[in-house]
Amino acid sequence: MTGAPTDGPEGLAEPDLAGPQAPVSVAPAPAAGHPVLDDSQRLLLRAVLNEIVPPRGELPGAGDLNVGASIEHTLAASPRLRRVFLDGLADLSILQFIDLPAPSRVDTLRRVEQRQPVFFAALVEHTYRGYYTLPEVHAAIGYVGPPQPNGGSLPAFNVDLLEIQRRRPPFWRRI
């Protein structure tokens, strides 16, 4: 069911079900006037996200940090992923996930993982991607950027360094 990304709206690559997200997927909300989920589905997704990444200390869970909005934005750009999520959320709704006590919610998610592995894999992948791109999470885990050798940081790129290369005659053959 997953495969190579295809072109989606606005020439963006459509994200794989559990693969890379399009850059627009980390935006705060879907395009105005084009919601993907209704209010009950958003509430359900929020509860599910809080089970996948629960609150820890002062840091709220993924649902309370509005990771669902970034997922919904991704769903707006991917009809294939949207169908998978809508089917998975319908299954969770039928299982009355929102009304279950916490221990039963985890068991229910395990059942859904067995019944709908593609949905569950995509759900977890997009939850983590949305969660770990948030500045609040970066601050909480002490993330300051990609690691560099010996803990140093890279200076800003100097575009003037390209000037020598720009002045060089081409050293390749046009085909």
Protein backbone atom coordinates (compact mmCIF):
# COMPACT_ATOMS: atom_id res chain seq x y z
CA MET A 1 0.00 0.00 0.00
CA THR A 2 2.94 2.33 0.50
CA GLY A 3 5.06 3.20 -2.45
CA ALA A 4 6.87 6.01 -4.14
CA PRO A 5 5.37 9.41 -3.49
CA THR A 6 3.23 10.84 -6.27
CA ASP A 7 2.60 14.44 -7.10
CA GLY A 8 -0.21 15.91 -5.08
CA PRO A 9 -1.81 19.36 -5.03
CA GLU A 10 0.41 22.32 -5.81
CA GLY A 11 3.13 20.02 -7.18
CA LEU A 12 4.07 18.70 -3.73
CA ALA A 13 5.02 15.09 -3.35
CA GLU A 14 2.17 13.17 -1.76
CA PRO A 15 3.45 11.58 1.46
CA ASP A 16 3.68 7.84 1.80
CA LEU A 17 1.40 6.30 4.37
CA ALA A 18 4.15 6.04 6.94
CA GLY A 19 6.91 7.81 5.09
CA PRO A 20 8.12 11.37 4.72
CA GLN A 21 5.65 14.18 5.13
CA ALA A 22 5.27 17.01 2.67
CA PRO A 23 6.68 20.26 4.09
CA VAL A 24 3.15 21.64 4.42
CA SER A 25 2.25 18.86 6.83
CA VAL A 26 3.81 20.62 9.78
CA ALA A 27 1.67 23.72 9.28
CA PRO A 28 -0.76 24.46 12.12
CA ALA A 29 -4.02 23.59 10.34
CA PRO A 30 -5.49 22.46 7.04
CA ALA A 31 -6.22 25.02 4.38
CA ALA A 32 -9.13 27.25 5.30
CA GLY A 33 -12.42 25.93 4.05
CA HIS A 34 -11.04 22.43 3.49
CA PRO A 35 -11.28 20.58 6.80
CA VAL A 36 -10.73 16.85 6.61
CA LEU A 37 -12.05 15.81 10.01
CA ASP A 38 -15.24 16.76 11.77
CA ASP A 39 -15.29 17.83 15.44
CA SER A 40 -15.95 14.31 16.77
CA GLN A 41 -13.08 12.88 14.70
CA ARG A 42 -10.75 15.63 15.95
CA LEU A 43 -11.74 14.86 19.54
CA LEU A 44 -11.14 11.15 18.94
CA LEU A 45 -7.77 11.80 17.27
CA ARG A 46 -6.74 14.04 20.17
CA ALA A 47 -7.51 11.26 22.67
CA VAL A 48 -5.61 8.71 20.56
CA LEU A 49 -2.59 11.01 20.23
CA ASN A 50 -2.53 11.52 24.00
CA GLU A 51 -2.33 7.74 24.41
CA ILE A 52 0.49 7.36 21.88
CA VAL A 53 2.51 10.23 23.40
CA PRO A 54 1.05 10.90 26.84
CA PRO A 55 1.75 13.97 28.97
CA ARG A 56 5.09 13.86 30.76
CA GLY A 57 5.88 16.24 33.56
CA GLU A 58 5.09 19.76 32.43
CA LEU A 59 4.89 18.73 28.76
CA PRO A 60 1.36 17.99 27.50
CA GLY A 61 0.61 14.90 25.41
CA ALA A 62 0.68 14.95 21.61
CA GLY A 63 -3.08 15.50 21.37
CA ASP A 64 -3.02 18.43 23.77
CA LEU A 65 -0.13 19.96 21.78
CA ASN A 66 -2.40 19.95 18.70
CA VAL A 67 -0.38 17.41 16.71
CA GLY A 68 -3.73 16.44 15.21
CA ALA A 69 -3.73 19.70 13.22
CA SER A 70 -0.47 18.79 11.47
CA ILE A 71 -1.83 15.30 10.76
CA GLU A 72 -5.05 16.79 9.39
CA HIS A 73 -3.01 19.11 7.17
CA THR A 74 -1.15 16.10 5.79
CA LEU A 75 -4.46 14.31 5.23
CA ALA A 76 -5.72 17.29 3.23
CA ALA A 77 -2.81 16.81 0.80
CA SER A 78 -3.06 13.02 0.48
CA PRO A 79 -6.29 11.29 -0.55
CA ARG A 80 -4.67 7.88 -0.03
CA LEU A 81 -3.56 8.67 3.52
CA ARG A 82 -6.88 10.39 4.23
CA ARG A 83 -8.78 7.19 3.40
CA VAL A 84 -6.54 5.12 5.67
CA PHE A 85 -6.99 7.55 8.57
CA LEU A 86 -10.74 7.94 8.13
CA ASP A 87 -11.17 4.16 8.13
CA GLY A 88 -8.96 3.79 11.21
CA LEU A 89 -10.75 6.55 13.09
CA ALA A 90 -14.11 4.98 12.17
CA ASP A 91 -12.90 1.68 13.65
CA LEU A 92 -11.82 3.44 16.85
CA SER A 93 -15.17 5.21 17.00
CA ILE A 94 -17.04 1.92 16.64
CA LEU A 95 -14.93 0.53 19.48
CA GLN A 96 -16.02 3.58 21.55
CA PHE A 97 -12.40 4.49 22.25
CA ILE A 98 -13.27 7.93 23.58
CA ASP A 99 -15.49 6.46 26.33
CA LEU A 100 -12.97 3.86 27.53
CA PRO A 101 -10.88 4.15 30.71
CA ALA A 102 -7.12 4.58 30.15
CA PRO A 103 -6.07 0.91 30.53
CA SER A 104 -8.74 -0.22 28.07
CA ARG A 105 -7.65 2.43 25.56
CA VAL A 106 -4.18 0.90 25.32
CA ASP A 107 -5.68 -2.57 24.78
CA THR A 108 -7.99 -1.15 22.12
CA LEU A 109 -5.07 0.47 20.31
CA ARG A 110 -3.27 -2.89 20.35
CA ARG A 111 -6.32 -4.51 18.75
CA VAL A 112 -6.50 -1.80 16.11
CA GLU A 113 -2.78 -2.29 15.44
CA GLN A 114 -3.49 -5.96 14.70
CA ARG A 115 -6.61 -5.27 12.61
CA GLN A 116 -5.33 -2.26 10.69
CA PRO A 117 -1.52 -2.32 10.66
CA VAL A 118 -1.19 0.21 7.84
CA PHE A 119 -3.35 2.73 9.69
CA PHE A 120 -1.55 2.15 12.95
CA ALA A 121 1.92 2.48 11.40
CA ALA A 122 0.90 5.72 9.67
CA LEU A 123 -0.72 7.02 12.86
CA VAL A 124 2.40 6.41 14.95
CA GLU A 125 4.76 7.75 12.29
CA HIS A 126 2.82 10.97 11.74
CA THR A 127 2.26 11.41 15.48
CA TYR A 128 5.99 11.27 16.18
CA ARG A 129 6.82 13.51 13.22
CA GLY A 130 4.31 16.12 14.33
CA TYR A 131 5.29 15.89 17.99
CA TYR A 132 9.06 16.02 17.60
CA THR A 133 8.95 19.07 15.31
CA LEU A 134 7.33 21.26 17.98
CA PRO A 135 9.50 23.91 19.68
CA GLU A 136 7.96 23.00 23.07
CA VAL A 137 9.19 19.43 22.67
CA HIS A 138 12.62 20.57 21.47
CA ALA A 139 12.96 22.71 24.61
CA ALA A 140 11.74 19.90 26.88
CA ILE A 141 14.23 17.35 25.53
CA GLY A 142 17.11 19.83 25.20
CA TYR A 143 17.31 19.60 21.40
CA VAL A 144 19.27 22.49 19.93
CA GLY A 145 19.78 21.25 16.38
CA PRO A 146 21.53 18.48 14.52
CA PRO A 147 24.69 17.24 16.23
CA GLN A 148 28.05 18.34 14.87
CA PRO A 149 31.46 16.74 15.40
CA ASN A 150 32.91 17.48 18.81
CA GLY A 151 29.68 19.24 19.81
CA GLY A 152 30.52 22.37 17.80
CA SER A 153 28.17 24.29 15.59
CA LEU A 154 28.54 25.23 11.96
CA PRO A 155 28.92 28.86 11.00
CA ALA A 156 26.38 30.39 8.61
CA PHE A 157 27.12 29.51 4.98
CA ASN A 158 29.08 32.20 3.13
CA VAL A 159 27.57 32.47 -0.38
CA ASP A 160 30.60 34.46 -1.55
CA LEU A 161 32.50 31.16 -1.59
CA LEU A 162 30.50 30.17 -4.67
CA GLU A 163 31.72 33.14 -6.71
CA ILE A 164 34.92 31.37 -7.84
CA GLN A 165 32.85 28.43 -9.10
CA ARG A 166 30.38 30.72 -10.86
CA ARG A 167 33.22 32.35 -12.82
CA ARG A 168 34.69 29.02 -13.96
CA PRO A 169 33.84 27.92 -17.48
CA PRO A 170 31.72 24.77 -17.62
CA PHE A 171 33.78 21.60 -17.40
CA TRP A 172 31.00 19.29 -18.54
CA ARG A 173 29.51 18.41 -21.90
CA ARG A 174 25.96 19.40 -22.71
CA ILE A 175 23.91 16.42 -23.84
